[in-house]
Protein backbone atom coordinates (compact mmCIF):
# COMPACT_ATOMS: atom_id res chain seq x y z
CA MET A 1 12.65 4.66 15.26
CA VAL A 2 9.53 5.99 12.68
CA ARG A 3 10.84 4.94 9.16
CA SER A 4 10.52 7.68 6.77
CA SER A 5 9.07 7.15 3.22
CA ALA A 6 12.31 7.92 2.19
CA SER A 7 13.93 4.73 3.47
CA ARG A 8 10.53 2.09 1.90
CA PRO A 9 11.45 0.89 -1.25
CA LEU A 10 10.22 2.43 -4.33
CA PRO A 11 7.48 0.60 -5.05
CA VAL A 12 6.08 0.62 -1.50
CA VAL A 13 6.24 4.20 -1.60
CA SER A 14 4.73 4.12 -5.08
CA VAL A 15 2.03 1.69 -3.93
CA MET A 16 1.32 4.00 -0.30
CA ALA A 17 1.19 7.23 -2.38
CA ALA A 18 -1.45 5.82 -4.89
CA LEU A 19 -3.58 4.42 -1.79
CA ALA A 20 -3.24 7.40 0.30
CA LEU A 21 -3.34 10.11 -2.23
CA THR A 22 -6.47 8.00 -4.37
CA GLY A 23 -8.80 11.09 -4.23
CA CYS A 24 -6.40 13.86 -2.73
CA GLU A 25 -6.58 15.39 -6.04
CA PRO A 26 -8.32 18.44 -7.76
CA ALA A 27 -11.70 17.83 -8.87
CA ALA A 28 -11.17 16.12 -12.33
CA PRO A 29 -13.21 17.54 -15.16
CA PRO A 30 -15.94 14.52 -16.29
CA ALA A 31 -13.51 13.38 -19.18
CA ALA A 32 -11.16 12.81 -16.82
CA LYS A 33 -13.85 11.12 -14.42
CA THR A 34 -14.68 8.66 -16.91
CA ALA A 35 -11.42 8.66 -17.94
CA GLN A 36 -10.41 7.06 -14.18
CA LYS A 37 -13.38 5.16 -14.00
CA ALA A 38 -13.12 3.37 -17.10
CA ALA A 39 -9.43 2.60 -15.87
CA HIS A 40 -9.95 1.68 -12.77
CA GLY A 41 -13.43 0.14 -12.67
CA HIS A 42 -15.13 2.63 -10.84
CA ASP A 43 -14.98 6.61 -9.74
CA HIS A 44 -12.90 7.80 -6.98
CA ASP A 45 -14.83 11.22 -6.46
CA HIS A 46 -13.53 11.98 -3.02
CA ASP A 47 -11.42 13.91 -1.56
CA HIS A 48 -8.97 13.89 1.11
CA ALA A 49 -10.93 16.16 3.27
CA ASP A 50 -13.56 12.93 3.09
CA HIS A 51 -12.14 11.68 6.95
CA ASP A 52 -11.49 13.16 10.02
CA HIS A 53 -7.49 13.54 10.69
CA PRO A 54 -6.98 12.41 14.25
CA GLU A 55 -5.36 14.63 17.10
CA THR A 56 -3.66 11.66 19.39
CA LEU A 57 -2.43 8.46 17.85
CA ALA A 58 -5.21 6.72 19.87
CA ALA A 59 -7.93 8.43 17.74
CA GLY A 60 -6.08 7.48 14.57
CA VAL A 61 -5.69 3.46 15.82
CA ALA A 62 -9.75 3.93 16.86
CA GLN A 63 -10.32 4.67 13.03
CA LEU A 64 -7.95 2.36 11.55
CA ALA A 65 -9.60 -0.22 13.70
CA GLU A 66 -13.29 1.02 12.74
CA ALA A 67 -11.52 1.36 8.98
CA ALA A 68 -10.68 -2.35 9.38
CA ALA A 69 -14.11 -3.86 10.80
CA ALA A 70 -16.20 -1.85 8.32
CA VAL A 71 -14.32 -3.47 5.27
CA GLU A 72 -14.70 -6.62 6.75
CA LYS A 73 -18.99 -5.93 7.18
CA HIS A 74 -18.86 -4.92 3.52
CA LEU A 75 -17.09 -7.58 2.20
CA ALA A 76 -19.52 -10.36 3.89
CA SER A 77 -22.31 -8.63 2.55
CA GLY A 78 -21.05 -8.54 -0.90
CA ALA A 79 -20.61 -4.63 -0.86
CA THR A 80 -17.30 -4.66 -3.14
CA ASP A 81 -17.66 -1.01 -3.60
CA GLU A 82 -18.28 0.28 0.18
CA ALA A 83 -15.28 -1.87 1.17
CA ASP A 84 -12.90 -0.35 -1.64
CA GLU A 85 -13.85 2.84 -0.71
CA VAL A 86 -12.47 2.01 3.05
CA VAL A 87 -9.44 0.35 1.75
CA HIS A 88 -8.29 3.79 0.22
CA GLY A 89 -9.22 5.88 3.15
CA VAL A 90 -6.68 3.22 5.38
CA GLY A 91 -4.22 4.87 2.93
CA HIS A 92 -5.33 8.39 4.69
CA ILE A 93 -5.29 7.08 8.34
CA ILE A 94 -2.27 5.45 8.14
CA GLU A 95 -0.73 8.34 6.89
CA ASP A 96 -2.22 10.51 9.52
CA ILE A 97 -0.85 8.32 11.93
CA GLN A 98 2.49 8.31 10.54
CA GLY A 99 2.27 11.60 11.45
CA LEU A 100 1.04 11.53 14.99
CA LEU A 101 3.67 9.17 16.03
CA PRO A 102 6.76 11.06 16.46
CA LYS A 103 4.79 13.37 18.32
CA GLU A 104 3.94 11.14 20.93
CA ASN A 105 5.88 10.55 24.23
CA LEU A 106 6.68 7.08 23.04
CA SER A 107 10.00 5.09 23.95
CA ALA A 108 11.72 3.81 20.62
CA ASP A 109 10.58 0.38 21.14
CA ALA A 110 7.11 0.82 20.73
CA LYS A 111 7.58 3.61 18.42
CA ALA A 112 9.23 1.33 15.85
CA ALA A 113 6.45 -1.59 16.82
CA ALA A 114 3.88 0.74 15.70
CA ALA A 115 5.94 1.56 12.66
CA LYS A 116 6.10 -2.36 11.82
CA ALA A 117 2.54 -2.25 12.26
CA LEU A 118 1.45 0.09 10.39
CA ASP A 119 3.57 -1.54 7.47
CA GLU A 120 1.86 -4.69 8.25
CA VAL A 121 -1.37 -3.12 7.81
CA PHE A 122 -0.67 -1.26 4.57
CA GLU A 123 0.73 -3.96 3.22
CA CYS A 124 -2.38 -5.95 3.79
CA PHE A 125 -4.87 -3.68 2.74
CA ASP A 126 -2.18 -3.48 -0.16
CA LYS A 127 -3.19 -6.96 -1.54
CA LEU A 128 -6.62 -6.32 -0.65
CA ASP A 129 -6.89 -3.40 -2.99
CA THR A 130 -5.35 -5.38 -5.73
CA ALA A 131 -7.75 -7.79 -5.16
CA LEU A 132 -10.55 -5.30 -4.90
CA HIS A 133 -9.19 -3.97 -8.51
CA ALA A 134 -8.29 -7.21 -10.36
CA PRO A 135 -10.32 -8.09 -13.56
CA ALA A 136 -13.98 -10.13 -13.40
CA GLY A 137 -12.57 -13.75 -13.21
CA LYS A 138 -9.05 -13.21 -12.08
CA GLY A 139 -7.26 -13.81 -8.94
CA GLU A 140 -9.33 -14.60 -5.42
CA PRO A 141 -12.45 -12.93 -4.50
CA PRO A 142 -11.41 -10.08 -2.15
CA ALA A 143 -13.97 -11.75 0.80
CA GLU A 144 -11.59 -14.50 0.16
CA VAL A 145 -8.30 -12.25 0.29
CA HIS A 146 -9.53 -10.99 3.06
CA ALA A 147 -10.38 -13.94 4.93
CA GLY A 148 -6.67 -14.61 4.35
CA LEU A 149 -5.14 -11.19 5.84
CA LYS A 150 -7.69 -10.47 8.76
CA SER A 151 -5.59 -12.35 11.65
CA ARG A 152 -2.39 -10.39 10.09
CA ILE A 153 -4.70 -7.10 10.08
CA ASP A 154 -6.37 -7.90 13.93
CA ALA A 155 -2.34 -8.18 15.00
CA ALA A 156 -0.96 -5.86 13.52
CA ILE A 157 -4.20 -3.46 15.07
CA LYS A 158 -3.52 -5.32 18.33
CA SER A 159 0.05 -4.22 18.04
CA LEU A 160 -0.32 -0.45 17.76
CA LYS A 161 -2.95 -0.50 20.86
CA ASP A 162 -0.36 -2.17 22.66
CA ALA A 163 2.22 0.67 21.24
CA LEU A 164 0.34 3.50 23.08
């Protein structure tokens, strides 16, 4: 059974909403964008329409795998701003997959495994997002955080693929 956001602890829902909705807001006036950029260290001037919404679970899982590979590539090359954009997009992809999961003809066990894998992906990318937004010189570098999470991300994506 897929857990609804109502069954998640409030901090997880809050963080998921922040990841999934960052940039899914109306265009802010220039002063608000400047304040937002100052608060987060970068601009989130994109909207929810910036990504293709998958029509099938398989397409959503493929998008998630592509996003994970893109984050790894960007971090390996030191392109943290680009990695950050993809990390924020992962929240949208997770949301899309969660919406598709109940529509798929999967067993209850497969749906439960997929929901657990999505929670794992979310947790990993949340930790990575925290590292990307840490003040300079505070905490581990994002590439090191990613290196520590890579096997968990890969295993979760494999679990999603296996559920198909």
